[in-house]
Amino acid sequence: MEICEITIRTSEKPTDAQIKKIQECFTEMPMAEILLGLNFAKNRWTAKDAGVLKVGRKSIINKEIHSVTSEQAQWRLKNWKMMIANYRKLGYSYPTISRIKKHFIELSKKRTR
């Protein structure tokens, strides 16, 4: 096995634990896999920095049901066809929309204080 040394410049000083983890990855993993992972991480970071990273389903649902009152949930359920059209315009999938509806049904049953 050929030993090669790589010098890296970073914007912040890594901790000893981080250096050890990087060294461990480079010794255990093939270079092709390391480059694939770095490329994925770079693309994800770029998308996150640009604000276009698509969030997961749970985040979408929490965003939609956050601070919705019982009355608002009832109104949304009464006008559900319009709500579906709006959610589809936002790019939500039907399983996500049905999960949102499920939460609205639960919210509509609760009494507001």
PDB file of N, CA and C in Angstrom:
ATOM      1  N   MET A   1       0.851  -1.174   0.000  1.00  0.00           N
ATOM      2  CA  MET A   1       0.000   0.000   0.000  1.00  0.00           C
ATOM      3  C   MET A   1       0.891   1.230   0.000  1.00  0.00           C
ATOM      4  N   GLU A   2       0.596   2.125  -0.927  1.00  0.00           N
ATOM      5  CA  GLU A   2       1.378   3.350  -1.047  1.00  0.00           C
ATOM      6  C   GLU A   2       0.834   4.399  -0.088  1.00  0.00           C
ATOM      7  N   ILE A   3       1.714   5.082   0.615  1.00  0.00           N
ATOM      8  CA  ILE A   3       1.312   6.115   1.557  1.00  0.00           C
ATOM      9  C   ILE A   3       1.467   7.471   0.880  1.00  0.00           C
ATOM     10  N   CYS A   4       0.421   8.275   0.977  1.00  0.00           N
ATOM     11  CA  CYS A   4       0.395   9.593   0.351  1.00  0.00           C
ATOM     12  C   CYS A   4      -0.037  10.612   1.403  1.00  0.00           C
ATOM     13  N   GLU A   5       0.518  11.795   1.357  1.00  0.00           N
ATOM     14  CA  GLU A   5       0.180  12.836   2.324  1.00  0.00           C
ATOM     15  C   GLU A   5      -0.616  13.927   1.626  1.00  0.00           C
ATOM     16  N   ILE A   6      -1.699  14.366   2.269  1.00  0.00           N
ATOM     17  CA  ILE A   6      -2.551  15.422   1.729  1.00  0.00           C
ATOM     18  C   ILE A   6      -2.560  16.583   2.712  1.00  0.00           C
ATOM     19  N   THR A   7      -2.375  17.784   2.189  1.00  0.00           N
ATOM     20  CA  THR A   7      -2.440  18.995   3.005  1.00  0.00           C
ATOM     21  C   THR A   7      -3.728  19.722   2.653  1.00  0.00           C
ATOM     22  N   ILE A   8      -4.479  20.124   3.679  1.00  0.00           N
ATOM     23  CA  ILE A   8      -5.772  20.770   3.469  1.00  0.00           C
ATOM     24  C   ILE A   8      -5.805  22.097   4.218  1.00  0.00           C
ATOM     25  N   ARG A   9      -6.292  23.137   3.534  1.00  0.00           N
ATOM     26  CA  ARG A   9      -6.507  24.439   4.179  1.00  0.00           C
ATOM     27  C   ARG A   9      -7.988  24.544   4.512  1.00  0.00           C
ATOM     28  N   THR A  10      -8.274  24.942   5.742  1.00  0.00           N
ATOM     29  CA  THR A  10      -9.664  25.086   6.174  1.00  0.00           C
ATOM     30  C   THR A  10      -9.878  26.478   6.744  1.00  0.00           C
ATOM     31  N   SER A  11     -11.143  26.894   6.766  1.00  0.00           N
ATOM     32  CA  SER A  11     -11.483  28.218   7.295  1.00  0.00           C
ATOM     33  C   SER A  11     -11.472  28.247   8.820  1.00  0.00           C
ATOM     34  N   GLU A  12     -11.577  27.080   9.433  1.00  0.00           N
ATOM     35  CA  GLU A  12     -11.525  27.004  10.900  1.00  0.00           C
ATOM     36  C   GLU A  12     -10.620  25.855  11.316  1.00  0.00           C
ATOM     37  N   LYS A  13     -10.044  25.999  12.490  1.00  0.00           N
ATOM     38  CA  LYS A  13      -9.106  24.985  12.969  1.00  0.00           C
ATOM     39  C   LYS A  13      -9.873  23.760  13.460  1.00  0.00           C
ATOM     40  N   PRO A  14      -9.571  22.580  12.886  1.00  0.00           N
ATOM     41  CA  PRO A  14     -10.269  21.365  13.345  1.00  0.00           C
ATOM     42  C   PRO A  14      -9.755  20.910  14.709  1.00  0.00           C
ATOM     43  N   THR A  15     -10.636  20.264  15.442  1.00  0.00           N
ATOM     44  CA  THR A  15     -10.251  19.729  16.742  1.00  0.00           C
ATOM     45  C   THR A  15      -9.451  18.444  16.537  1.00  0.00           C
ATOM     46  N   ASP A  16      -8.823  17.990  17.589  1.00  0.00           N
ATOM     47  CA  ASP A  16      -8.065  16.736  17.514  1.00  0.00           C
ATOM     48  C   ASP A  16      -8.972  15.565  17.164  1.00  0.00           C
ATOM     49  N   ALA A  17     -10.202  15.570  17.713  1.00  0.00           N
ATOM     50  CA  ALA A  17     -11.153  14.496  17.425  1.00  0.00           C
ATOM     51  C   ALA A  17     -11.552  14.512  15.942  1.00  0.00           C
ATOM     52  N   GLN A  18     -11.730  15.708  15.386  1.00  0.00           N
ATOM     53  CA  GLN A  18     -12.093  15.809  13.972  1.00  0.00           C
ATOM     54  C   GLN A  18     -10.948  15.319  13.080  1.00  0.00           C
ATOM     55  N   ILE A  19      -9.728  15.693  13.421  1.00  0.00           N
ATOM     56  CA  ILE A  19      -8.560  15.250  12.654  1.00  0.00           C
ATOM     57  C   ILE A  19      -8.449  13.733  12.697  1.00  0.00           C
ATOM     58  N   LYS A  20      -8.662  13.168  13.894  1.00  0.00           N
ATOM     59  CA  LYS A  20      -8.583  11.714  14.056  1.00  0.00           C
ATOM     60  C   LYS A  20      -9.652  11.021  13.216  1.00  0.00           C
ATOM     61  N   LYS A  21     -10.873  11.587  13.195  1.00  0.00           N
ATOM     62  CA  LYS A  21     -11.973  11.007  12.429  1.00  0.00           C
ATOM     63  C   LYS A  21     -11.671  11.056  10.928  1.00  0.00           C
ATOM     64  N   ILE A  22     -11.116  12.173  10.454  1.00  0.00           N
ATOM     65  CA  ILE A  22     -10.753  12.297   9.034  1.00  0.00           C
ATOM     66  C   ILE A  22      -9.687  11.273   8.672  1.00  0.00           C
ATOM     67  N   GLN A  23      -8.667  11.150   9.516  1.00  0.00           N
ATOM     68  CA  GLN A  23      -7.606  10.172   9.262  1.00  0.00           C
ATOM     69  C   GLN A  23      -8.157   8.758   9.236  1.00  0.00           C
ATOM     70  N   GLU A  24      -9.071   8.470  10.146  1.00  0.00           N
ATOM     71  CA  GLU A  24      -9.697   7.151  10.217  1.00  0.00           C
ATOM     72  C   GLU A  24     -10.455   6.844   8.921  1.00  0.00           C
ATOM     73  N   CYS A  25     -11.216   7.834   8.430  1.00  0.00           N
ATOM     74  CA  CYS A  25     -11.968   7.642   7.178  1.00  0.00           C
ATOM     75  C   CYS A  25     -11.036   7.389   6.009  1.00  0.00           C
ATOM     76  N   PHE A  26      -9.935   8.149   5.933  1.00  0.00           N
ATOM     77  CA  PHE A  26      -9.014   7.990   4.812  1.00  0.00           C
ATOM     78  C   PHE A  26      -8.276   6.660   4.848  1.00  0.00           C
ATOM     79  N   THR A  27      -8.054   6.113   6.021  1.00  0.00           N
ATOM     80  CA  THR A  27      -7.365   4.824   6.097  1.00  0.00           C
ATOM     81  C   THR A  27      -8.309   3.652   5.836  1.00  0.00           C
ATOM     82  N   GLU A  28      -9.590   3.783   6.223  1.00  0.00           N
ATOM     83  CA  GLU A  28     -10.535   2.676   6.110  1.00  0.00           C
ATOM     84  C   GLU A  28     -11.304   2.636   4.791  1.00  0.00           C
ATOM     85  N   MET A  29     -11.525   3.789   4.176  1.00  0.00           N
ATOM     86  CA  MET A  29     -12.388   3.857   2.996  1.00  0.00           C
ATOM     87  C   MET A  29     -11.586   4.030   1.713  1.00  0.00           C
ATOM     88  N   PRO A  30     -12.112   3.505   0.594  1.00  0.00           N
ATOM     89  CA  PRO A  30     -11.451   3.748  -0.695  1.00  0.00           C
ATOM     90  C   PRO A  30     -11.611   5.214  -1.111  1.00  0.00           C
ATOM     91  N   MET A  31     -10.660   5.724  -1.860  1.00  0.00           N
ATOM     92  CA  MET A  31     -10.655   7.127  -2.268  1.00  0.00           C
ATOM     93  C   MET A  31     -11.900   7.489  -3.079  1.00  0.00           C
ATOM     94  N   ALA A  32     -12.376   6.578  -3.925  1.00  0.00           N
ATOM     95  CA  ALA A  32     -13.564   6.857  -4.739  1.00  0.00           C
ATOM     96  C   ALA A  32     -14.783   7.120  -3.861  1.00  0.00           C
ATOM     97  N   GLU A  33     -14.934   6.337  -2.792  1.00  0.00           N
ATOM     98  CA  GLU A  33     -16.070   6.513  -1.876  1.00  0.00           C
ATOM     99  C   GLU A  33     -15.958   7.824  -1.111  1.00  0.00           C
ATOM    100  N   ILE A  34     -14.750   8.178  -0.715  1.00  0.00           N
ATOM    101  CA  ILE A  34     -14.535   9.444  -0.005  1.00  0.00           C
ATOM    102  C   ILE A  34     -14.913  10.611  -0.909  1.00  0.00           C
ATOM    103  N   LEU A  35     -14.504  10.558  -2.171  1.00  0.00           N
ATOM    104  CA  LEU A  35     -14.823  11.636  -3.109  1.00  0.00           C
ATOM    105  C   LEU A  35     -16.319  11.722  -3.390  1.00  0.00           C
ATOM    106  N   LEU A  36     -17.000  10.571  -3.484  1.00  0.00           N
ATOM    107  CA  LEU A  36     -18.452  10.578  -3.660  1.00  0.00           C
ATOM    108  C   LEU A  36     -19.145  11.257  -2.475  1.00  0.00           C
ATOM    109  N   GLY A  37     -18.712  10.914  -1.275  1.00  0.00           N
ATOM    110  CA  GLY A  37     -19.294  11.503  -0.076  1.00  0.00           C
ATOM    111  C   GLY A  37     -19.034  13.001   0.012  1.00  0.00           C
ATOM    112  N   LEU A  38     -17.814  13.418  -0.321  1.00  0.00           N
ATOM    113  CA  LEU A  38     -17.483  14.843  -0.299  1.00  0.00           C
ATOM    114  C   LEU A  38     -18.285  15.607  -1.347  1.00  0.00           C
ATOM    115  N   ASN A  39     -18.458  15.012  -2.514  1.00  0.00           N
ATOM    116  CA  ASN A  39     -19.244  15.660  -3.564  1.00  0.00           C
ATOM    117  C   ASN A  39     -20.696  15.819  -3.128  1.00  0.00           C
ATOM    118  N   PHE A  40     -21.259  14.776  -2.520  1.00  0.00           N
ATOM    119  CA  PHE A  40     -22.631  14.846  -2.006  1.00  0.00           C
ATOM    120  C   PHE A  40     -22.750  15.941  -0.951  1.00  0.00           C
ATOM    121  N   ALA A  41     -21.803  15.964  -0.006  1.00  0.00           N
ATOM    122  CA  ALA A  41     -21.835  16.962   1.060  1.00  0.00           C
ATOM    123  C   ALA A  41     -21.709  18.380   0.499  1.00  0.00           C
ATOM    124  N   LYS A  42     -20.854  18.553  -0.499  1.00  0.00           N
ATOM    125  CA  LYS A  42     -20.677  19.877  -1.109  1.00  0.00           C
ATOM    126  C   LYS A  42     -21.956  20.323  -1.809  1.00  0.00           C
ATOM    127  N   ASN A  43     -22.591  19.421  -2.561  1.00  0.00           N
ATOM    128  CA  ASN A  43     -23.836  19.764  -3.245  1.00  0.00           C
ATOM    129  C   ASN A  43     -24.945  20.095  -2.252  1.00  0.00           C
ATOM    130  N   ARG A  44     -25.023  19.331  -1.169  1.00  0.00           N
ATOM    131  CA  ARG A  44     -26.030  19.595  -0.144  1.00  0.00           C
ATOM    132  C   ARG A  44     -25.782  20.943   0.525  1.00  0.00           C
ATOM    133  N   TRP A  45     -24.529  21.231   0.832  1.00  0.00           N
ATOM    134  CA  TRP A  45     -24.185  22.499   1.465  1.00  0.00           C
ATOM    135  C   TRP A  45     -24.503  23.669   0.532  1.00  0.00           C
ATOM    136  N   THR A  46     -24.220  23.514  -0.766  1.00  0.00           N
ATOM    137  CA  THR A  46     -24.512  24.566  -1.748  1.00  0.00           C
ATOM    138  C   THR A  46     -26.010  24.807  -1.833  1.00  0.00           C
ATOM    139  N   ALA A  47     -26.799  23.741  -1.878  1.00  0.00           N
ATOM    140  CA  ALA A  47     -28.254  23.873  -1.937  1.00  0.00           C
ATOM    141  C   ALA A  47     -28.797  24.508  -0.661  1.00  0.00           C
ATOM    142  N   LYS A  48     -28.263  24.117   0.469  1.00  0.00           N
ATOM    143  CA  LYS A  48     -28.699  24.685   1.747  1.00  0.00           C
ATOM    144  C   LYS A  48     -28.354  26.164   1.812  1.00  0.00           C
ATOM    145  N   ASP A  49     -27.163  26.519   1.346  1.00  0.00           N
ATOM    146  CA  ASP A  49     -26.714  27.906   1.343  1.00  0.00           C
ATOM    147  C   ASP A  49     -27.575  28.759   0.414  1.00  0.00           C
ATOM    148  N   ALA A  50     -28.019  28.185  -0.698  1.00  0.00           N
ATOM    149  CA  ALA A  50     -28.850  28.903  -1.662  1.00  0.00           C
ATOM    150  C   ALA A  50     -30.319  28.943  -1.238  1.00  0.00           C
ATOM    151  N   GLY A  51     -30.694  28.127  -0.249  1.00  0.00           N
ATOM    152  CA  GLY A  51     -32.074  28.102   0.234  1.00  0.00           C
ATOM    153  C   GLY A  51     -33.009  27.250  -0.601  1.00  0.00           C
ATOM    154  N   VAL A  52     -32.468  26.345  -1.405  1.00  0.00           N
ATOM    155  CA  VAL A  52     -33.306  25.505  -2.256  1.00  0.00           C
ATOM    156  C   VAL A  52     -33.325  24.056  -1.815  1.00  0.00           C
ATOM    157  N   LEU A  53     -32.749  23.753  -0.661  1.00  0.00           N
ATOM    158  CA  LEU A  53     -32.728  22.381  -0.173  1.00  0.00           C
ATOM    159  C   LEU A  53     -34.137  21.960   0.210  1.00  0.00           C
ATOM    160  N   LYS A  54     -34.615  20.891  -0.374  1.00  0.00           N
ATOM    161  CA  LYS A  54     -35.942  20.380  -0.063  1.00  0.00           C
ATOM    162  C   LYS A  54     -35.899  19.695   1.295  1.00  0.00           C
ATOM    163  N   VAL A  55     -36.816  20.085   2.143  1.00  0.00           N
ATOM    164  CA  VAL A  55     -36.832  19.509   3.481  1.00  0.00           C
ATOM    165  C   VAL A  55     -37.630  18.225   3.489  1.00  0.00           C
ATOM    166  N   GLY A  56     -37.509  17.485   4.556  1.00  0.00           N
ATOM    167  CA  GLY A  56     -38.221  16.217   4.680  1.00  0.00           C
ATOM    168  C   GLY A  56     -39.692  16.401   4.960  1.00  0.00           C
ATOM    169  N   ARG A  57     -40.430  15.300   4.865  1.00  0.00           N
ATOM    170  CA  ARG A  57     -41.875  15.319   5.022  1.00  0.00           C
ATOM    171  C   ARG A  57     -42.304  15.825   6.390  1.00  0.00           C
ATOM    172  N   LYS A  58     -41.613  15.410   7.452  1.00  0.00           N
ATOM    173  CA  LYS A  58     -42.002  15.843   8.794  1.00  0.00           C
ATOM    174  C   LYS A  58     -41.893  17.348   8.939  1.00  0.00           C
ATOM    175  N   SER A  59     -40.853  17.930   8.374  1.00  0.00           N
ATOM    176  CA  SER A  59     -40.681  19.382   8.445  1.00  0.00           C
ATOM    177  C   SER A  59     -41.796  20.093   7.699  1.00  0.00           C
ATOM    178  N   ILE A  60     -42.196  19.562   6.559  1.00  0.00           N
ATOM    179  CA  ILE A  60     -43.275  20.166   5.777  1.00  0.00           C
ATOM    180  C   ILE A  60     -44.573  20.130   6.580  1.00  0.00           C
ATOM    181  N   ILE A  61     -44.876  18.993   7.156  1.00  0.00           N
ATOM    182  CA  ILE A  61     -46.112  18.846   7.922  1.00  0.00           C
ATOM    183  C   ILE A  61     -46.100  19.775   9.126  1.00  0.00           C
ATOM    184  N   ASN A  62     -44.986  19.819   9.849  1.00  0.00           N
ATOM    185  CA  ASN A  62     -44.906  20.703  11.014  1.00  0.00           C
ATOM    186  C   ASN A  62     -45.049  22.162  10.615  1.00  0.00           C
ATOM    187  N   LYS A  63     -44.496  22.529   9.456  1.00  0.00           N
ATOM    188  CA  LYS A  63     -44.609  23.907   8.985  1.00  0.00           C
ATOM    189  C   LYS A  63     -46.064  24.250   8.694  1.00  0.00           C
ATOM    190  N   GLU A  64     -46.820  23.314   8.121  1.00  0.00           N
ATOM    191  CA  GLU A  64     -48.202  23.575   7.745  1.00  0.00           C
ATOM    192  C   GLU A  64     -49.157  23.583   8.942  1.00  0.00           C
ATOM    193  N   ILE A  65     -48.889  22.779   9.961  1.00  0.00           N
ATOM    194  CA  ILE A  65     -49.834  22.699  11.081  1.00  0.00           C
ATOM    195  C   ILE A  65     -49.410  23.559  12.271  1.00  0.00           C
ATOM    196  N   HIS A  66     -48.240  24.157  12.191  1.00  0.00           N
ATOM    197  CA  HIS A  66     -47.731  24.971  13.295  1.00  0.00           C
ATOM    198  C   HIS A  66     -48.666  26.152  13.557  1.00  0.00           C
ATOM    199  N   SER A  67     -49.078  26.324  14.781  1.00  0.00           N
ATOM    200  CA  SER A  67     -49.926  27.417  15.270  1.00  0.00           C
ATOM    201  C   SER A  67     -51.239  27.585  14.508  1.00  0.00           C
ATOM    202  N   VAL A  68     -51.822  26.470  14.053  1.00  0.00           N
ATOM    203  CA  VAL A  68     -53.153  26.492  13.453  1.00  0.00           C
ATOM    204  C   VAL A  68     -54.155  26.207  14.569  1.00  0.00           C
ATOM    205  N   THR A  69     -55.154  27.057  14.686  1.00  0.00           N
ATOM    206  CA  THR A  69     -56.160  26.871  15.736  1.00  0.00           C
ATOM    207  C   THR A  69     -57.187  25.833  15.288  1.00  0.00           C
ATOM    208  N   SER A  70     -58.053  25.454  16.212  1.00  0.00           N
ATOM    209  CA  SER A  70     -59.100  24.485  15.918  1.00  0.00           C
ATOM    210  C   SER A  70     -60.051  25.021  14.852  1.00  0.00           C
ATOM    211  N   GLU A  71     -60.397  26.315  14.952  1.00  0.00           N
ATOM    212  CA  GLU A  71     -61.300  26.923  13.971  1.00  0.00           C
ATOM    213  C   GLU A  71     -60.659  26.972  12.591  1.00  0.00           C
ATOM    214  N   GLN A  72     -59.387  27.300  12.534  1.00  0.00           N
ATOM    215  CA  GLN A  72     -58.681  27.340  11.256  1.00  0.00           C
ATOM    216  C   GLN A  72     -58.617  25.941  10.627  1.00  0.00           C
ATOM    217  N   ALA A  73     -58.381  24.933  11.459  1.00  0.00           N
ATOM    218  CA  ALA A  73     -58.326  23.555  10.960  1.00  0.00           C
ATOM    219  C   ALA A  73     -59.686  23.146  10.402  1.00  0.00           C
ATOM    220  N   GLN A  74     -60.762  23.533  11.091  1.00  0.00           N
ATOM    221  CA  GLN A  74     -62.105  23.204  10.604  1.00  0.00           C
ATOM    222  C   GLN A  74     -62.377  23.895   9.278  1.00  0.00           C
ATOM    223  N   TRP A  75     -61.989  25.162   9.136  1.00  0.00           N
ATOM    224  CA  TRP A  75     -62.184  25.884   7.879  1.00  0.00           C
ATOM    225  C   TRP A  75     -61.411  25.222   6.741  1.00  0.00           C
ATOM    226  N   ARG A  76     -60.183  24.830   7.025  1.00  0.00           N
ATOM    227  CA  ARG A  76     -59.355  24.189   5.998  1.00  0.00           C
ATOM    228  C   ARG A  76     -59.939  22.844   5.570  1.00  0.00           C
ATOM    229  N   LEU A  77     -60.517  22.125   6.514  1.00  0.00           N
ATOM    230  CA  LEU A  77     -61.142  20.847   6.164  1.00  0.00           C
ATOM    231  C   LEU A  77     -62.408  21.064   5.330  1.00  0.00           C
ATOM    232  N   LYS A  78     -63.176  22.125   5.646  1.00  0.00           N
ATOM    233  CA  LYS A  78     -64.378  22.425   4.856  1.00  0.00           C
ATOM    234  C   LYS A  78     -64.013  22.822   3.429  1.00  0.00           C
ATOM    235  N   ASN A  79     -62.883  23.458   3.254  1.00  0.00           N
ATOM    236  CA  ASN A  79     -62.419  23.918   1.942  1.00  0.00           C
ATOM    237  C   ASN A  79     -61.241  23.074   1.463  1.00  0.00           C
ATOM    238  N   TRP A  80     -61.357  21.793   1.661  1.00  0.00           N
ATOM    239  CA  TRP A  80     -60.226  20.899   1.430  1.00  0.00           C
ATOM    240  C   TRP A  80     -59.796  20.831  -0.036  1.00  0.00           C
ATOM    241  N   LYS A  81     -60.736  20.898  -0.974  1.00  0.00           N
ATOM    242  CA  LYS A  81     -60.359  20.834  -2.391  1.00  0.00           C
ATOM    243  C   LYS A  81     -59.456  22.002  -2.762  1.00  0.00           C
ATOM    244  N   MET A  82     -59.763  23.176  -2.240  1.00  0.00           N
ATOM    245  CA  MET A  82     -58.932  24.348  -2.492  1.00  0.00           C
ATOM    246  C   MET A  82     -57.557  24.177  -1.839  1.00  0.00           C
ATOM    247  N   MET A  83     -57.554  23.596  -0.649  1.00  0.00           N
ATOM    248  CA  MET A  83     -56.281  23.380   0.059  1.00  0.00           C
ATOM    249  C   MET A  83     -55.404  22.395  -0.717  1.00  0.00           C
ATOM    250  N   ILE A  84     -56.009  21.338  -1.273  1.00  0.00           N
ATOM    251  CA  ILE A  84     -55.247  20.363  -2.065  1.00  0.00           C
ATOM    252  C   ILE A  84     -54.602  21.057  -3.256  1.00  0.00           C
ATOM    253  N   ALA A  85     -55.371  21.911  -3.933  1.00  0.00           N
ATOM    254  CA  ALA A  85     -54.834  22.627  -5.098  1.00  0.00           C
ATOM    255  C   ALA A  85     -53.637  23.485  -4.694  1.00  0.00           C
ATOM    256  N   ASN A  86     -53.746  24.161  -3.557  1.00  0.00           N
ATOM    257  CA  ASN A  86     -52.630  24.996  -3.080  1.00  0.00           C
ATOM    258  C   ASN A  86     -51.414  24.143  -2.729  1.00  0.00           C
ATOM    259  N   TYR A  87     -51.642  23.025  -2.060  1.00  0.00           N
ATOM    260  CA  TYR A  87     -50.533  22.157  -1.680  1.00  0.00           C
ATOM    261  C   TYR A  87     -49.859  21.548  -2.912  1.00  0.00           C
ATOM    262  N   ARG A  88     -50.645  21.201  -3.922  1.00  0.00           N
ATOM    263  CA  ARG A  88     -50.051  20.648  -5.150  1.00  0.00           C
ATOM    264  C   ARG A  88     -49.214  21.706  -5.865  1.00  0.00           C
ATOM    265  N   LYS A  89     -49.663  22.972  -5.824  1.00  0.00           N
ATOM    266  CA  LYS A  89     -48.870  24.058  -6.414  1.00  0.00           C
ATOM    267  C   LYS A  89     -47.538  24.209  -5.694  1.00  0.00           C
ATOM    268  N   LEU A  90     -47.542  23.944  -4.399  1.00  0.00           N
ATOM    269  CA  LEU A  90     -46.305  24.011  -3.612  1.00  0.00           C
ATOM    270  C   LEU A  90     -45.407  22.797  -3.863  1.00  0.00           C
ATOM    271  N   GLY A  91     -45.945  21.788  -4.544  1.00  0.00           N
ATOM    272  CA  GLY A  91     -45.148  20.614  -4.883  1.00  0.00           C
ATOM    273  C   GLY A  91     -45.229  19.482  -3.882  1.00  0.00           C
ATOM    274  N   TYR A  92     -46.207  19.538  -2.978  1.00  0.00           N
ATOM    275  CA  TYR A  92     -46.348  18.476  -1.987  1.00  0.00           C
ATOM    276  C   TYR A  92     -46.935  17.231  -2.645  1.00  0.00           C
ATOM    277  N   SER A  93     -46.491  16.070  -2.192  1.00  0.00           N
ATOM    278  CA  SER A  93     -47.023  14.814  -2.707  1.00  0.00           C
ATOM    279  C   SER A  93     -48.359  14.504  -2.026  1.00  0.00           C
ATOM    280  N   TYR A  94     -49.132  13.610  -2.639  1.00  0.00           N
ATOM    281  CA  TYR A  94     -50.415  13.236  -2.054  1.00  0.00           C
ATOM    282  C   TYR A  94     -50.280  12.577  -0.680  1.00  0.00           C
ATOM    283  N   PRO A  95     -49.263  11.714  -0.452  1.00  0.00           N
ATOM    284  CA  PRO A  95     -49.110  11.173   0.908  1.00  0.00           C
ATOM    285  C   PRO A  95     -48.846  12.266   1.948  1.00  0.00           C
ATOM    286  N   THR A  96     -48.072  13.287   1.570  1.00  0.00           N
ATOM    287  CA  THR A  96     -47.808  14.396   2.495  1.00  0.00           C
ATOM    288  C   THR A  96     -49.098  15.162   2.763  1.00  0.00           C
ATOM    289  N   ILE A  97     -49.879  15.420   1.719  1.00  0.00           N
ATOM    290  CA  ILE A  97     -51.135  16.151   1.873  1.00  0.00           C
ATOM    291  C   ILE A  97     -52.096  15.375   2.765  1.00  0.00           C
ATOM    292  N   SER A  98     -52.151  14.056   2.602  1.00  0.00           N
ATOM    293  CA  SER A  98     -53.062  13.263   3.443  1.00  0.00           C
ATOM    294  C   SER A  98     -52.609  13.271   4.898  1.00  0.00           C
ATOM    295  N   ARG A  99     -51.314  13.329   5.132  1.00  0.00           N
ATOM    296  CA  ARG A  99     -50.826  13.419   6.511  1.00  0.00           C
ATOM    297  C   ARG A  99     -51.172  14.778   7.123  1.00  0.00           C
ATOM    298  N   ILE A 100     -51.099  15.835   6.326  1.00  0.00           N
ATOM    299  CA  ILE A 100     -51.491  17.163   6.798  1.00  0.00           C
ATOM    300  C   ILE A 100     -52.969  17.149   7.169  1.00  0.00           C
ATOM    301  N   LYS A 101     -53.797  16.540   6.315  1.00  0.00           N
ATOM    302  CA  LYS A 101     -55.230  16.456   6.584  1.00  0.00           C
ATOM    303  C   LYS A 101     -55.494  15.698   7.878  1.00  0.00           C
ATOM    304  N   LYS A 102     -54.765  14.626   8.097  1.00  0.00           N
ATOM    305  CA  LYS A 102     -54.923  13.833   9.316  1.00  0.00           C
ATOM    306  C   LYS A 102     -54.673  14.698  10.551  1.00  0.00           C
ATOM    307  N   HIS A 103     -53.634  15.536  10.485  1.00  0.00           N
ATOM    308  CA  HIS A 103     -53.335  16.422  11.614  1.00  0.00           C
ATOM    309  C   HIS A 103     -54.414  17.493  11.779  1.00  0.00           C
ATOM    310  N   PHE A 104     -54.964  18.000  10.662  1.00  0.00           N
ATOM    311  CA  PHE A 104     -56.041  18.978  10.746  1.00  0.00           C
ATOM    312  C   PHE A 104     -57.281  18.367  11.386  1.00  0.00           C
ATOM    313  N   ILE A 105     -57.567  17.111  11.081  1.00  0.00           N
ATOM    314  CA  ILE A 105     -58.714  16.435  11.692  1.00  0.00           C
ATOM    315  C   ILE A 105     -58.521  16.344  13.195  1.00  0.00           C
ATOM    316  N   GLU A 106     -57.311  15.988  13.623  1.00  0.00           N
ATOM    317  CA  GLU A 106     -57.023  15.922  15.060  1.00  0.00           C
ATOM    318  C   GLU A 106     -57.144  17.294  15.707  1.00  0.00           C
ATOM    319  N   LEU A 107     -56.620  18.324  15.018  1.00  0.00           N
ATOM    320  CA  LEU A 107     -56.685  19.682  15.560  1.00  0.00           C
ATOM    321  C   LEU A 107     -58.126  20.189  15.643  1.00  0.00           C
ATOM    322  N   SER A 108     -58.954  19.843  14.654  1.00  0.00           N
ATOM    323  CA  SER A 108     -60.327  20.344  14.630  1.00  0.00           C
ATOM    324  C   SER A 108     -61.158  19.756  15.777  1.00  0.00           C
ATOM    325  N   LYS A 109     -60.780  18.584  16.263  1.00  0.00           N
ATOM    326  CA  LYS A 109     -61.499  17.949  17.367  1.00  0.00           C
ATOM    327  C   LYS A 109     -61.163  18.559  18.719  1.00  0.00           C
ATOM    328  N   LYS A 110     -59.985  19.194  18.795  1.00  0.00           N
ATOM    329  CA  LYS A 110     -59.581  19.823  20.055  1.00  0.00           C
ATOM    330  C   LYS A 110     -60.304  21.148  20.240  1.00  0.00           C
ATOM    331  N   ARG A 111     -60.590  21.452  21.483  1.00  0.00           N
ATOM    332  CA  ARG A 111     -61.232  22.729  21.791  1.00  0.00           C
ATOM    333  C   ARG A 111     -60.145  23.785  21.983  1.00  0.00           C
ATOM    334  N   THR A 112     -60.431  24.988  21.511  1.00  0.00           N
ATOM    335  CA  THR A 112     -59.501  26.087  21.763  1.00  0.00           C
ATOM    336  C   THR A 112     -59.776  26.656  23.138  1.00  0.00           C
ATOM    337  N   ARG A 113     -58.729  27.117  23.753  1.00  0.00           N
ATOM    338  CA  ARG A 113     -58.869  27.626  25.130  1.00  0.00           C
ATOM    339  C   ARG A 113     -59.071  29.105  25.132  1.00  0.00           C
TER     340      ARG A 113
END
